PDB file of N, CA and C in Angstrom:
ATOM      1  N   MET A   1     -17.518   1.626  -9.631  1.00  0.00           N
ATOM      2  CA  MET A   1     -16.610   0.909 -10.493  1.00  0.00           C
ATOM      3  C   MET A   1     -15.242   1.601 -10.460  1.00  0.00           C
ATOM      4  N   VAL A   2     -14.205   0.801 -10.465  1.00  0.00           N
ATOM      5  CA  VAL A   2     -12.828   1.290 -10.507  1.00  0.00           C
ATOM      6  C   VAL A   2     -12.267   0.928 -11.881  1.00  0.00           C
ATOM      7  N   ILE A   3     -11.649   1.890 -12.539  1.00  0.00           N
ATOM      8  CA  ILE A   3     -11.028   1.619 -13.845  1.00  0.00           C
ATOM      9  C   ILE A   3      -9.527   1.630 -13.632  1.00  0.00           C
ATOM     10  N   ARG A   4      -8.932   0.441 -13.714  1.00  0.00           N
ATOM     11  CA  ARG A   4      -7.498   0.269 -13.485  1.00  0.00           C
ATOM     12  C   ARG A   4      -6.846  -0.153 -14.793  1.00  0.00           C
ATOM     13  N   GLY A   5      -6.098   0.743 -15.397  1.00  0.00           N
ATOM     14  CA  GLY A   5      -5.397   0.429 -16.638  1.00  0.00           C
ATOM     15  C   GLY A   5      -6.323  -0.074 -17.736  1.00  0.00           C
ATOM     16  N   GLY A   6      -7.528   0.478 -17.817  1.00  0.00           N
ATOM     17  CA  GLY A   6      -8.475   0.073 -18.849  1.00  0.00           C
ATOM     18  C   GLY A   6      -9.390  -1.075 -18.449  1.00  0.00           C
ATOM     19  N   GLU A   7      -9.125  -1.714 -17.336  1.00  0.00           N
ATOM     20  CA  GLU A   7      -9.968  -2.815 -16.848  1.00  0.00           C
ATOM     21  C   GLU A   7     -11.040  -2.263 -15.911  1.00  0.00           C
ATOM     22  N   ASN A   8     -12.279  -2.658 -16.119  1.00  0.00           N
ATOM     23  CA  ASN A   8     -13.358  -2.266 -15.218  1.00  0.00           C
ATOM     24  C   ASN A   8     -13.433  -3.274 -14.080  1.00  0.00           C
ATOM     25  N   ILE A   9     -13.303  -2.781 -12.857  1.00  0.00           N
ATOM     26  CA  ILE A   9     -13.307  -3.645 -11.677  1.00  0.00           C
ATOM     27  C   ILE A   9     -14.436  -3.194 -10.764  1.00  0.00           C
ATOM     28  N   TYR A  10     -15.243  -4.153 -10.337  1.00  0.00           N
ATOM     29  CA  TYR A  10     -16.358  -3.849  -9.449  1.00  0.00           C
ATOM     30  C   TYR A  10     -15.952  -4.175  -8.017  1.00  0.00           C
ATOM     31  N   PRO A  11     -15.820  -3.148  -7.168  1.00  0.00           N
ATOM     32  CA  PRO A  11     -15.390  -3.363  -5.785  1.00  0.00           C
ATOM     33  C   PRO A  11     -16.242  -4.395  -5.048  1.00  0.00           C
ATOM     34  N   ARG A  12     -17.538  -4.431  -5.317  1.00  0.00           N
ATOM     35  CA  ARG A  12     -18.427  -5.359  -4.607  1.00  0.00           C
ATOM     36  C   ARG A  12     -18.002  -6.814  -4.848  1.00  0.00           C
ATOM     37  N   GLU A  13     -17.562  -7.115  -6.065  1.00  0.00           N
ATOM     38  CA  GLU A  13     -17.110  -8.472  -6.397  1.00  0.00           C
ATOM     39  C   GLU A  13     -15.916  -8.881  -5.519  1.00  0.00           C
ATOM     40  N   ILE A  14     -14.984  -7.968  -5.336  1.00  0.00           N
ATOM     41  CA  ILE A  14     -13.798  -8.255  -4.526  1.00  0.00           C
ATOM     42  C   ILE A  14     -14.186  -8.342  -3.048  1.00  0.00           C
ATOM     43  N   GLU A  15     -15.081  -7.454  -2.619  1.00  0.00           N
ATOM     44  CA  GLU A  15     -15.556  -7.499  -1.240  1.00  0.00           C
ATOM     45  C   GLU A  15     -16.223  -8.837  -0.940  1.00  0.00           C
ATOM     46  N   GLU A  16     -17.092  -9.288  -1.847  1.00  0.00           N
ATOM     47  CA  GLU A  16     -17.787 -10.566  -1.651  1.00  0.00           C
ATOM     48  C   GLU A  16     -16.786 -11.720  -1.544  1.00  0.00           C
ATOM     49  N   PHE A  17     -15.739 -11.686  -2.361  1.00  0.00           N
ATOM     50  CA  PHE A  17     -14.723 -12.729  -2.279  1.00  0.00           C
ATOM     51  C   PHE A  17     -13.995 -12.679  -0.940  1.00  0.00           C
ATOM     52  N   LEU A  18     -13.585 -11.485  -0.518  1.00  0.00           N
ATOM     53  CA  LEU A  18     -12.828 -11.358   0.734  1.00  0.00           C
ATOM     54  C   LEU A  18     -13.666 -11.743   1.959  1.00  0.00           C
ATOM     55  N   TYR A  19     -14.988 -11.585   1.863  1.00  0.00           N
ATOM     56  CA  TYR A  19     -15.868 -12.015   2.965  1.00  0.00           C
ATOM     57  C   TYR A  19     -15.761 -13.519   3.211  1.00  0.00           C
ATOM     58  N   THR A  20     -15.298 -14.278   2.240  1.00  0.00           N
ATOM     59  CA  THR A  20     -15.178 -15.732   2.416  1.00  0.00           C
ATOM     60  C   THR A  20     -13.997 -16.113   3.299  1.00  0.00           C
ATOM     61  N   HIS A  21     -13.112 -15.159   3.591  1.00  0.00           N
ATOM     62  CA  HIS A  21     -11.987 -15.431   4.488  1.00  0.00           C
ATOM     63  C   HIS A  21     -12.528 -15.533   5.913  1.00  0.00           C
ATOM     64  N   SER A  22     -12.152 -16.558   6.618  1.00  0.00           N
ATOM     65  CA  SER A  22     -12.719 -16.825   7.947  1.00  0.00           C
ATOM     66  C   SER A  22     -12.377 -15.776   9.001  1.00  0.00           C
ATOM     67  N   ASP A  23     -11.323 -14.985   8.810  1.00  0.00           N
ATOM     68  CA  ASP A  23     -10.924 -13.988   9.810  1.00  0.00           C
ATOM     69  C   ASP A  23     -11.397 -12.570   9.485  1.00  0.00           C
ATOM     70  N   ILE A  24     -12.104 -12.398   8.363  1.00  0.00           N
ATOM     71  CA  ILE A  24     -12.554 -11.067   7.956  1.00  0.00           C
ATOM     72  C   ILE A  24     -14.023 -10.885   8.308  1.00  0.00           C
ATOM     73  N   VAL A  25     -14.298  -9.804   9.060  1.00  0.00           N
ATOM     74  CA  VAL A  25     -15.676  -9.472   9.439  1.00  0.00           C
ATOM     75  C   VAL A  25     -16.293  -8.532   8.411  1.00  0.00           C
ATOM     76  N   ASP A  26     -15.539  -7.509   8.022  1.00  0.00           N
ATOM     77  CA  ASP A  26     -16.054  -6.531   7.070  1.00  0.00           C
ATOM     78  C   ASP A  26     -14.918  -6.033   6.201  1.00  0.00           C
ATOM     79  N   VAL A  27     -15.258  -5.648   4.985  1.00  0.00           N
ATOM     80  CA  VAL A  27     -14.260  -5.138   4.045  1.00  0.00           C
ATOM     81  C   VAL A  27     -14.926  -4.115   3.135  1.00  0.00           C
ATOM     82  N   GLN A  28     -14.169  -3.064   2.833  1.00  0.00           N
ATOM     83  CA  GLN A  28     -14.595  -2.044   1.882  1.00  0.00           C
ATOM     84  C   GLN A  28     -13.469  -1.876   0.876  1.00  0.00           C
ATOM     85  N   VAL A  29     -13.791  -1.992  -0.405  1.00  0.00           N
ATOM     86  CA  VAL A  29     -12.795  -1.839  -1.463  1.00  0.00           C
ATOM     87  C   VAL A  29     -13.084  -0.530  -2.187  1.00  0.00           C
ATOM     88  N   ILE A  30     -12.040   0.267  -2.357  1.00  0.00           N
ATOM     89  CA  ILE A  30     -12.163   1.564  -3.023  1.00  0.00           C
ATOM     90  C   ILE A  30     -11.073   1.710  -4.073  1.00  0.00           C
ATOM     91  N   GLY A  31     -11.254   2.676  -4.943  1.00  0.00           N
ATOM     92  CA  GLY A  31     -10.224   3.037  -5.905  1.00  0.00           C
ATOM     93  C   GLY A  31      -9.457   4.241  -5.401  1.00  0.00           C
ATOM     94  N   VAL A  32      -8.144   4.203  -5.557  1.00  0.00           N
ATOM     95  CA  VAL A  32      -7.300   5.331  -5.175  1.00  0.00           C
ATOM     96  C   VAL A  32      -6.467   5.744  -6.391  1.00  0.00           C
ATOM     97  N   PRO A  33      -6.140   7.031  -6.505  1.00  0.00           N
ATOM     98  CA  PRO A  33      -5.393   7.509  -7.672  1.00  0.00           C
ATOM     99  C   PRO A  33      -4.029   6.822  -7.814  1.00  0.00           C
ATOM    100  N   ASP A  34      -3.660   6.550  -9.056  1.00  0.00           N
ATOM    101  CA  ASP A  34      -2.364   5.941  -9.351  1.00  0.00           C
ATOM    102  C   ASP A  34      -1.835   6.553 -10.645  1.00  0.00           C
ATOM    103  N   PRO A  35      -0.587   7.031 -10.640  1.00  0.00           N
ATOM    104  CA  PRO A  35      -0.056   7.689 -11.843  1.00  0.00           C
ATOM    105  C   PRO A  35       0.083   6.745 -13.044  1.00  0.00           C
ATOM    106  N   LYS A  36       0.343   5.470 -12.816  1.00  0.00           N
ATOM    107  CA  LYS A  36       0.556   4.533 -13.924  1.00  0.00           C
ATOM    108  C   LYS A  36      -0.754   3.965 -14.472  1.00  0.00           C
ATOM    109  N   TYR A  37      -1.648   3.523 -13.580  1.00  0.00           N
ATOM    110  CA  TYR A  37      -2.867   2.833 -14.006  1.00  0.00           C
ATOM    111  C   TYR A  37      -4.129   3.682 -13.929  1.00  0.00           C
ATOM    112  N   GLY A  38      -4.017   4.910 -13.464  1.00  0.00           N
ATOM    113  CA  GLY A  38      -5.197   5.753 -13.297  1.00  0.00           C
ATOM    114  C   GLY A  38      -5.799   5.572 -11.915  1.00  0.00           C
ATOM    115  N   GLU A  39      -6.105   4.319 -11.577  1.00  0.00           N
ATOM    116  CA  GLU A  39      -6.596   3.979 -10.249  1.00  0.00           C
ATOM    117  C   GLU A  39      -6.022   2.628  -9.835  1.00  0.00           C
ATOM    118  N   GLU A  40      -5.874   2.461  -8.540  1.00  0.00           N
ATOM    119  CA  GLU A  40      -5.474   1.180  -7.953  1.00  0.00           C
ATOM    120  C   GLU A  40      -6.512   0.800  -6.914  1.00  0.00           C
ATOM    121  N   LEU A  41      -6.539  -0.473  -6.569  1.00  0.00           N
ATOM    122  CA  LEU A  41      -7.484  -0.951  -5.562  1.00  0.00           C
ATOM    123  C   LEU A  41      -6.893  -0.885  -4.164  1.00  0.00           C
ATOM    124  N   MET A  42      -7.753  -0.529  -3.217  1.00  0.00           N
ATOM    125  CA  MET A  42      -7.371  -0.543  -1.813  1.00  0.00           C
ATOM    126  C   MET A  42      -8.490  -1.202  -1.034  1.00  0.00           C
ATOM    127  N   ALA A  43      -8.119  -2.115  -0.159  1.00  0.00           N
ATOM    128  CA  ALA A  43      -9.095  -2.783   0.702  1.00  0.00           C
ATOM    129  C   ALA A  43      -8.890  -2.330   2.138  1.00  0.00           C
ATOM    130  N   TRP A  44      -9.972  -1.892   2.769  1.00  0.00           N
ATOM    131  CA  TRP A  44      -9.993  -1.574   4.195  1.00  0.00           C
ATOM    132  C   TRP A  44     -10.674  -2.739   4.873  1.00  0.00           C
ATOM    133  N   ILE A  45      -9.988  -3.401   5.790  1.00  0.00           N
ATOM    134  CA  ILE A  45     -10.482  -4.652   6.374  1.00  0.00           C
ATOM    135  C   ILE A  45     -10.635  -4.542   7.885  1.00  0.00           C
ATOM    136  N   ILE A  46     -11.754  -5.081   8.377  1.00  0.00           N
ATOM    137  CA  ILE A  46     -11.956  -5.261   9.810  1.00  0.00           C
ATOM    138  C   ILE A  46     -11.896  -6.766  10.057  1.00  0.00           C
ATOM    139  N   THR A  47     -10.991  -7.184  10.936  1.00  0.00           N
ATOM    140  CA  THR A  47     -10.838  -8.610  11.236  1.00  0.00           C
ATOM    141  C   THR A  47     -11.685  -8.997  12.444  1.00  0.00           C
ATOM    142  N   LYS A  48     -11.898 -10.289  12.579  1.00  0.00           N
ATOM    143  CA  LYS A  48     -12.625 -10.796  13.737  1.00  0.00           C
ATOM    144  C   LYS A  48     -11.849 -10.456  15.003  1.00  0.00           C
ATOM    145  N   GLU A  49     -12.571 -10.276  16.086  1.00  0.00           N
ATOM    146  CA  GLU A  49     -11.945  -9.944  17.355  1.00  0.00           C
ATOM    147  C   GLU A  49     -10.946 -11.034  17.750  1.00  0.00           C
ATOM    148  N   GLY A  50      -9.748 -10.607  18.105  1.00  0.00           N
ATOM    149  CA  GLY A  50      -8.709 -11.545  18.516  1.00  0.00           C
ATOM    150  C   GLY A  50      -7.916 -12.149  17.367  1.00  0.00           C
ATOM    151  N   LYS A  51      -8.292 -11.838  16.140  1.00  0.00           N
ATOM    152  CA  LYS A  51      -7.588 -12.372  14.962  1.00  0.00           C
ATOM    153  C   LYS A  51      -6.746 -11.267  14.341  1.00  0.00           C
ATOM    154  N   GLU A  52      -5.614 -11.657  13.804  1.00  0.00           N
ATOM    155  CA  GLU A  52      -4.755 -10.704  13.101  1.00  0.00           C
ATOM    156  C   GLU A  52      -4.400 -11.255  11.737  1.00  0.00           C
ATOM    157  N   LEU A  53      -4.372 -10.379  10.776  1.00  0.00           N
ATOM    158  CA  LEU A  53      -3.982 -10.725   9.412  1.00  0.00           C
ATOM    159  C   LEU A  53      -2.931  -9.722   8.962  1.00  0.00           C
ATOM    160  N   THR A  54      -2.149 -10.112   7.986  1.00  0.00           N
ATOM    161  CA  THR A  54      -1.227  -9.179   7.351  1.00  0.00           C
ATOM    162  C   THR A  54      -1.688  -8.975   5.909  1.00  0.00           C
ATOM    163  N   ALA A  55      -1.220  -7.913   5.303  1.00  0.00           N
ATOM    164  CA  ALA A  55      -1.560  -7.643   3.908  1.00  0.00           C
ATOM    165  C   ALA A  55      -1.091  -8.799   3.018  1.00  0.00           C
ATOM    166  N   ASP A  56       0.084  -9.338   3.313  1.00  0.00           N
ATOM    167  CA  ASP A  56       0.605 -10.456   2.513  1.00  0.00           C
ATOM    168  C   ASP A  56      -0.276 -11.694   2.635  1.00  0.00           C
ATOM    169  N   GLU A  57      -0.819 -11.948   3.825  1.00  0.00           N
ATOM    170  CA  GLU A  57      -1.710 -13.095   4.007  1.00  0.00           C
ATOM    171  C   GLU A  57      -2.995 -12.922   3.199  1.00  0.00           C
ATOM    172  N   VAL A  58      -3.495 -11.702   3.132  1.00  0.00           N
ATOM    173  CA  VAL A  58      -4.699 -11.432   2.345  1.00  0.00           C
ATOM    174  C   VAL A  58      -4.398 -11.635   0.860  1.00  0.00           C
ATOM    175  N   ARG A  59      -3.270 -11.117   0.400  1.00  0.00           N
ATOM    176  CA  ARG A  59      -2.895 -11.287  -1.013  1.00  0.00           C
ATOM    177  C   ARG A  59      -2.709 -12.768  -1.348  1.00  0.00           C
ATOM    178  N   GLU A  60      -2.091 -13.508  -0.429  1.00  0.00           N
ATOM    179  CA  GLU A  60      -1.892 -14.946  -0.627  1.00  0.00           C
ATOM    180  C   GLU A  60      -3.234 -15.670  -0.723  1.00  0.00           C
ATOM    181  N   PHE A  61      -4.199 -15.256   0.100  1.00  0.00           N
ATOM    182  CA  PHE A  61      -5.545 -15.830   0.068  1.00  0.00           C
ATOM    183  C   PHE A  61      -6.194 -15.603  -1.299  1.00  0.00           C
ATOM    184  N   CYS A  62      -5.944 -14.437  -1.899  1.00  0.00           N
ATOM    185  CA  CYS A  62      -6.529 -14.077  -3.195  1.00  0.00           C
ATOM    186  C   CYS A  62      -5.836 -14.765  -4.367  1.00  0.00           C
ATOM    187  N   ASP A  63      -4.539 -15.001  -4.223  1.00  0.00           N
ATOM    188  CA  ASP A  63      -3.725 -15.509  -5.326  1.00  0.00           C
ATOM    189  C   ASP A  63      -4.260 -16.839  -5.853  1.00  0.00           C
ATOM    190  N   GLY A  64      -4.531 -16.855  -7.147  1.00  0.00           N
ATOM    191  CA  GLY A  64      -5.009 -18.072  -7.795  1.00  0.00           C
ATOM    192  C   GLY A  64      -6.523 -18.253  -7.720  1.00  0.00           C
ATOM    193  N   LYS A  65      -7.196 -17.415  -6.923  1.00  0.00           N
ATOM    194  CA  LYS A  65      -8.652 -17.543  -6.786  1.00  0.00           C
ATOM    195  C   LYS A  65      -9.393 -16.420  -7.493  1.00  0.00           C
ATOM    196  N   ILE A  66      -8.752 -15.255  -7.582  1.00  0.00           N
ATOM    197  CA  ILE A  66      -9.303 -14.160  -8.382  1.00  0.00           C
ATOM    198  C   ILE A  66      -8.190 -13.646  -9.288  1.00  0.00           C
ATOM    199  N   SER A  67      -8.574 -12.957 -10.337  1.00  0.00           N
ATOM    200  CA  SER A  67      -7.587 -12.440 -11.292  1.00  0.00           C
ATOM    201  C   SER A  67      -6.586 -11.532 -10.593  1.00  0.00           C
ATOM    202  N   ARG A  68      -5.350 -11.586 -11.037  1.00  0.00           N
ATOM    203  CA  ARG A  68      -4.286 -10.798 -10.406  1.00  0.00           C
ATOM    204  C   ARG A  68      -4.598  -9.310 -10.367  1.00  0.00           C
ATOM    205  N   TYR A  69      -5.187  -8.789 -11.443  1.00  0.00           N
ATOM    206  CA  TYR A  69      -5.458  -7.355 -11.478  1.00  0.00           C
ATOM    207  C   TYR A  69      -6.564  -6.956 -10.496  1.00  0.00           C
ATOM    208  N   LYS A  70      -7.282  -7.929  -9.946  1.00  0.00           N
ATOM    209  CA  LYS A  70      -8.334  -7.646  -8.966  1.00  0.00           C
ATOM    210  C   LYS A  70      -7.832  -7.732  -7.523  1.00  0.00           C
ATOM    211  N   ILE A  71      -6.614  -8.177  -7.328  1.00  0.00           N
ATOM    212  CA  ILE A  71      -6.052  -8.254  -5.975  1.00  0.00           C
ATOM    213  C   ILE A  71      -5.654  -6.840  -5.555  1.00  0.00           C
ATOM    214  N   PRO A  72      -6.182  -6.354  -4.427  1.00  0.00           N
ATOM    215  CA  PRO A  72      -5.873  -4.983  -4.001  1.00  0.00           C
ATOM    216  C   PRO A  72      -4.374  -4.758  -3.806  1.00  0.00           C
ATOM    217  N   ARG A  73      -3.887  -3.664  -4.382  1.00  0.00           N
ATOM    218  CA  ARG A  73      -2.478  -3.305  -4.211  1.00  0.00           C
ATOM    219  C   ARG A  73      -2.223  -2.823  -2.781  1.00  0.00           C
ATOM    220  N   TYR A  74      -3.186  -2.074  -2.244  1.00  0.00           N
ATOM    221  CA  TYR A  74      -3.068  -1.537  -0.896  1.00  0.00           C
ATOM    222  C   TYR A  74      -4.084  -2.229   0.006  1.00  0.00           C
ATOM    223  N   ILE A  75      -3.629  -2.640   1.174  1.00  0.00           N
ATOM    224  CA  ILE A  75      -4.507  -3.284   2.156  1.00  0.00           C
ATOM    225  C   ILE A  75      -4.234  -2.649   3.510  1.00  0.00           C
ATOM    226  N   GLU A  76      -5.282  -2.129   4.106  1.00  0.00           N
ATOM    227  CA  GLU A  76      -5.177  -1.504   5.422  1.00  0.00           C
ATOM    228  C   GLU A  76      -6.167  -2.168   6.368  1.00  0.00           C
ATOM    229  N   PHE A  77      -5.816  -2.195   7.632  1.00  0.00           N
ATOM    230  CA  PHE A  77      -6.690  -2.770   8.650  1.00  0.00           C
ATOM    231  C   PHE A  77      -7.183  -1.652   9.558  1.00  0.00           C
ATOM    232  N   THR A  78      -8.433  -1.742   9.961  1.00  0.00           N
ATOM    233  CA  THR A  78      -9.042  -0.720  10.797  1.00  0.00           C
ATOM    234  C   THR A  78     -10.008  -1.375  11.778  1.00  0.00           C
ATOM    235  N   ASP A  79     -10.378  -0.624  12.794  1.00  0.00           N
ATOM    236  CA  ASP A  79     -11.354  -1.123  13.768  1.00  0.00           C
ATOM    237  C   ASP A  79     -12.767  -0.691  13.425  1.00  0.00           C
ATOM    238  N   GLU A  80     -12.865   0.425  12.671  1.00  0.00           N
ATOM    239  CA  GLU A  80     -14.184   0.927  12.283  1.00  0.00           C
ATOM    240  C   GLU A  80     -14.052   1.825  11.067  1.00  0.00           C
ATOM    241  N   TYR A  81     -15.182   2.014  10.385  1.00  0.00           N
ATOM    242  CA  TYR A  81     -15.226   2.882   9.216  1.00  0.00           C
ATOM    243  C   TYR A  81     -15.881   4.209   9.594  1.00  0.00           C
ATOM    244  N   PRO A  82     -15.541   5.280   8.880  1.00  0.00           N
ATOM    245  CA  PRO A  82     -16.261   6.535   9.103  1.00  0.00           C
ATOM    246  C   PRO A  82     -17.712   6.359   8.646  1.00  0.00           C
ATOM    247  N   MET A  83     -18.650   6.747   9.506  1.00  0.00           N
ATOM    248  CA  MET A  83     -20.067   6.522   9.224  1.00  0.00           C
ATOM    249  C   MET A  83     -20.856   7.831   9.261  1.00  0.00           C
ATOM    250  N   THR A  84     -21.980   7.826   8.551  1.00  0.00           N
ATOM    251  CA  THR A  84     -22.919   8.941   8.646  1.00  0.00           C
ATOM    252  C   THR A  84     -23.771   8.723   9.896  1.00  0.00           C
ATOM    253  N   ALA A  85     -24.578   9.711  10.229  1.00  0.00           N
ATOM    254  CA  ALA A  85     -25.467   9.593  11.386  1.00  0.00           C
ATOM    255  C   ALA A  85     -26.467   8.454  11.206  1.00  0.00           C
ATOM    256  N   SER A  86     -26.797   8.147   9.950  1.00  0.00           N
ATOM    257  CA  SER A  86     -27.758   7.068   9.688  1.00  0.00           C
ATOM    258  C   SER A  86     -27.092   5.697   9.552  1.00  0.00           C
ATOM    259  N   GLY A  87     -25.767   5.638   9.734  1.00  0.00           N
ATOM    260  CA  GLY A  87     -25.073   4.355   9.742  1.00  0.00           C
ATOM    261  C   GLY A  87     -24.491   3.896   8.416  1.00  0.00           C
ATOM    262  N   LYS A  88     -24.435   4.779   7.420  1.00  0.00           N
ATOM    263  CA  LYS A  88     -23.830   4.409   6.134  1.00  0.00           C
ATOM    264  C   LYS A  88     -22.332   4.697   6.166  1.00  0.00           C
ATOM    265  N   ILE A  89     -21.574   3.828   5.514  1.00  0.00           N
ATOM    266  CA  ILE A  89     -20.121   4.018   5.443  1.00  0.00           C
ATOM    267  C   ILE A  89     -19.811   5.159   4.476  1.00  0.00           C
ATOM    268  N   GLN A  90     -18.940   6.069   4.914  1.00  0.00           N
ATOM    269  CA  GLN A  90     -18.543   7.206   4.090  1.00  0.00           C
ATOM    270  C   GLN A  90     -17.286   6.844   3.301  1.00  0.00           C
ATOM    271  N   LYS A  91     -17.500   6.274   2.100  1.00  0.00           N
ATOM    272  CA  LYS A  91     -16.361   5.833   1.302  1.00  0.00           C
ATOM    273  C   LYS A  91     -15.472   6.995   0.874  1.00  0.00           C
ATOM    274  N   PHE A  92     -16.051   8.185   0.715  1.00  0.00           N
ATOM    275  CA  PHE A  92     -15.219   9.329   0.328  1.00  0.00           C
ATOM    276  C   PHE A  92     -14.198   9.639   1.419  1.00  0.00           C
ATOM    277  N   LYS A  93     -14.554   9.426   2.680  1.00  0.00           N
ATOM    278  CA  LYS A  93     -13.598   9.649   3.767  1.00  0.00           C
ATOM    279  C   LYS A  93     -12.526   8.559   3.763  1.00  0.00           C
ATOM    280  N   LEU A  94     -12.900   7.330   3.413  1.00  0.00           N
ATOM    281  CA  LEU A  94     -11.903   6.262   3.280  1.00  0.00           C
ATOM    282  C   LEU A  94     -10.908   6.620   2.181  1.00  0.00           C
ATOM    283  N   ARG A  95     -11.399   7.189   1.066  1.00  0.00           N
ATOM    284  CA  ARG A  95     -10.506   7.604  -0.025  1.00  0.00           C
ATOM    285  C   ARG A  95      -9.536   8.681   0.449  1.00  0.00           C
ATOM    286  N   GLU A  96     -10.045   9.656   1.213  1.00  0.00           N
ATOM    287  CA  GLU A  96      -9.180  10.724   1.735  1.00  0.00           C
ATOM    288  C   GLU A  96      -8.099  10.141   2.640  1.00  0.00           C
ATOM    289  N   GLN A  97      -8.485   9.231   3.540  1.00  0.00           N
ATOM    290  CA  GLN A  97      -7.510   8.590   4.428  1.00  0.00           C
ATOM    291  C   GLN A  97      -6.501   7.786   3.617  1.00  0.00           C
ATOM    292  N   ALA A  98      -6.984   7.110   2.584  1.00  0.00           N
ATOM    293  CA  ALA A  98      -6.108   6.299   1.739  1.00  0.00           C
ATOM    294  C   ALA A  98      -5.060   7.164   1.046  1.00  0.00           C
ATOM    295  N   LYS A  99      -5.488   8.297   0.500  1.00  0.00           N
ATOM    296  CA  LYS A  99      -4.544   9.198  -0.178  1.00  0.00           C
ATOM    297  C   LYS A  99      -3.459   9.664   0.787  1.00  0.00           C
ATOM    298  N   GLU A 100      -3.867  10.021   2.013  1.00  0.00           N
ATOM    299  CA  GLU A 100      -2.892  10.463   3.012  1.00  0.00           C
ATOM    300  C   GLU A 100      -1.901   9.350   3.346  1.00  0.00           C
ATOM    301  N   LEU A 101      -2.404   8.128   3.548  1.00  0.00           N
ATOM    302  CA  LEU A 101      -1.530   6.994   3.857  1.00  0.00           C
ATOM    303  C   LEU A 101      -0.543   6.721   2.734  1.00  0.00           C
ATOM    304  N   ILE A 102      -1.029   6.744   1.504  1.00  0.00           N
ATOM    305  CA  ILE A 102      -0.174   6.449   0.354  1.00  0.00           C
ATOM    306  C   ILE A 102       0.897   7.531   0.222  1.00  0.00           C
ATOM    307  N   MET A 103       0.516   8.793   0.412  1.00  0.00           N
ATOM    308  CA  MET A 103       1.492   9.880   0.328  1.00  0.00           C
ATOM    309  C   MET A 103       2.550   9.735   1.415  1.00  0.00           C
ATOM    310  N   GLN A 104       2.154   9.369   2.635  1.00  0.00           N
ATOM    311  CA  GLN A 104       3.104   9.195   3.725  1.00  0.00           C
ATOM    312  C   GLN A 104       4.068   8.047   3.439  1.00  0.00           C
ATOM    313  N   ASN A 105       3.537   6.955   2.890  1.00  0.00           N
ATOM    314  CA  ASN A 105       4.363   5.775   2.616  1.00  0.00           C
ATOM    315  C   ASN A 105       5.309   5.993   1.439  1.00  0.00           C
ATOM    316  N   ASN A 106       4.983   6.917   0.555  1.00  0.00           N
ATOM    317  CA  ASN A 106       5.832   7.174  -0.624  1.00  0.00           C
ATOM    318  C   ASN A 106       6.909   8.212  -0.360  1.00  0.00           C
ATOM    319  N   LYS A 107       6.944   8.764   0.846  1.00  0.00           N
ATOM    320  CA  LYS A 107       7.970   9.771   1.162  1.00  0.00           C
ATOM    321  C   LYS A 107       9.284   9.114   1.490  1.00  0.00           C
TER     322      LYS A 107
END
């Protein structure tokens, strides 16, 4: 669960919604630190082969279909997720990568 400005947000709910987009193969939603809200949402997305999406297109897809506070503030695209030897996604590594990206973009 991600707590954003007092609102409890379940990443799985947002992931399930984003799976309905025809160009998205996989998505992982995580919480990242935010000085104003405590945490913000970030979506890591893998698109279908040969398809390209932009963060704005994803936000536009969400607009009006899910609550505004549930729309991820940060959206990144990747080809693969960090995995364990048994094939589980390492969300803690996604959080570490997210923090680095956010720090780089805020410089």
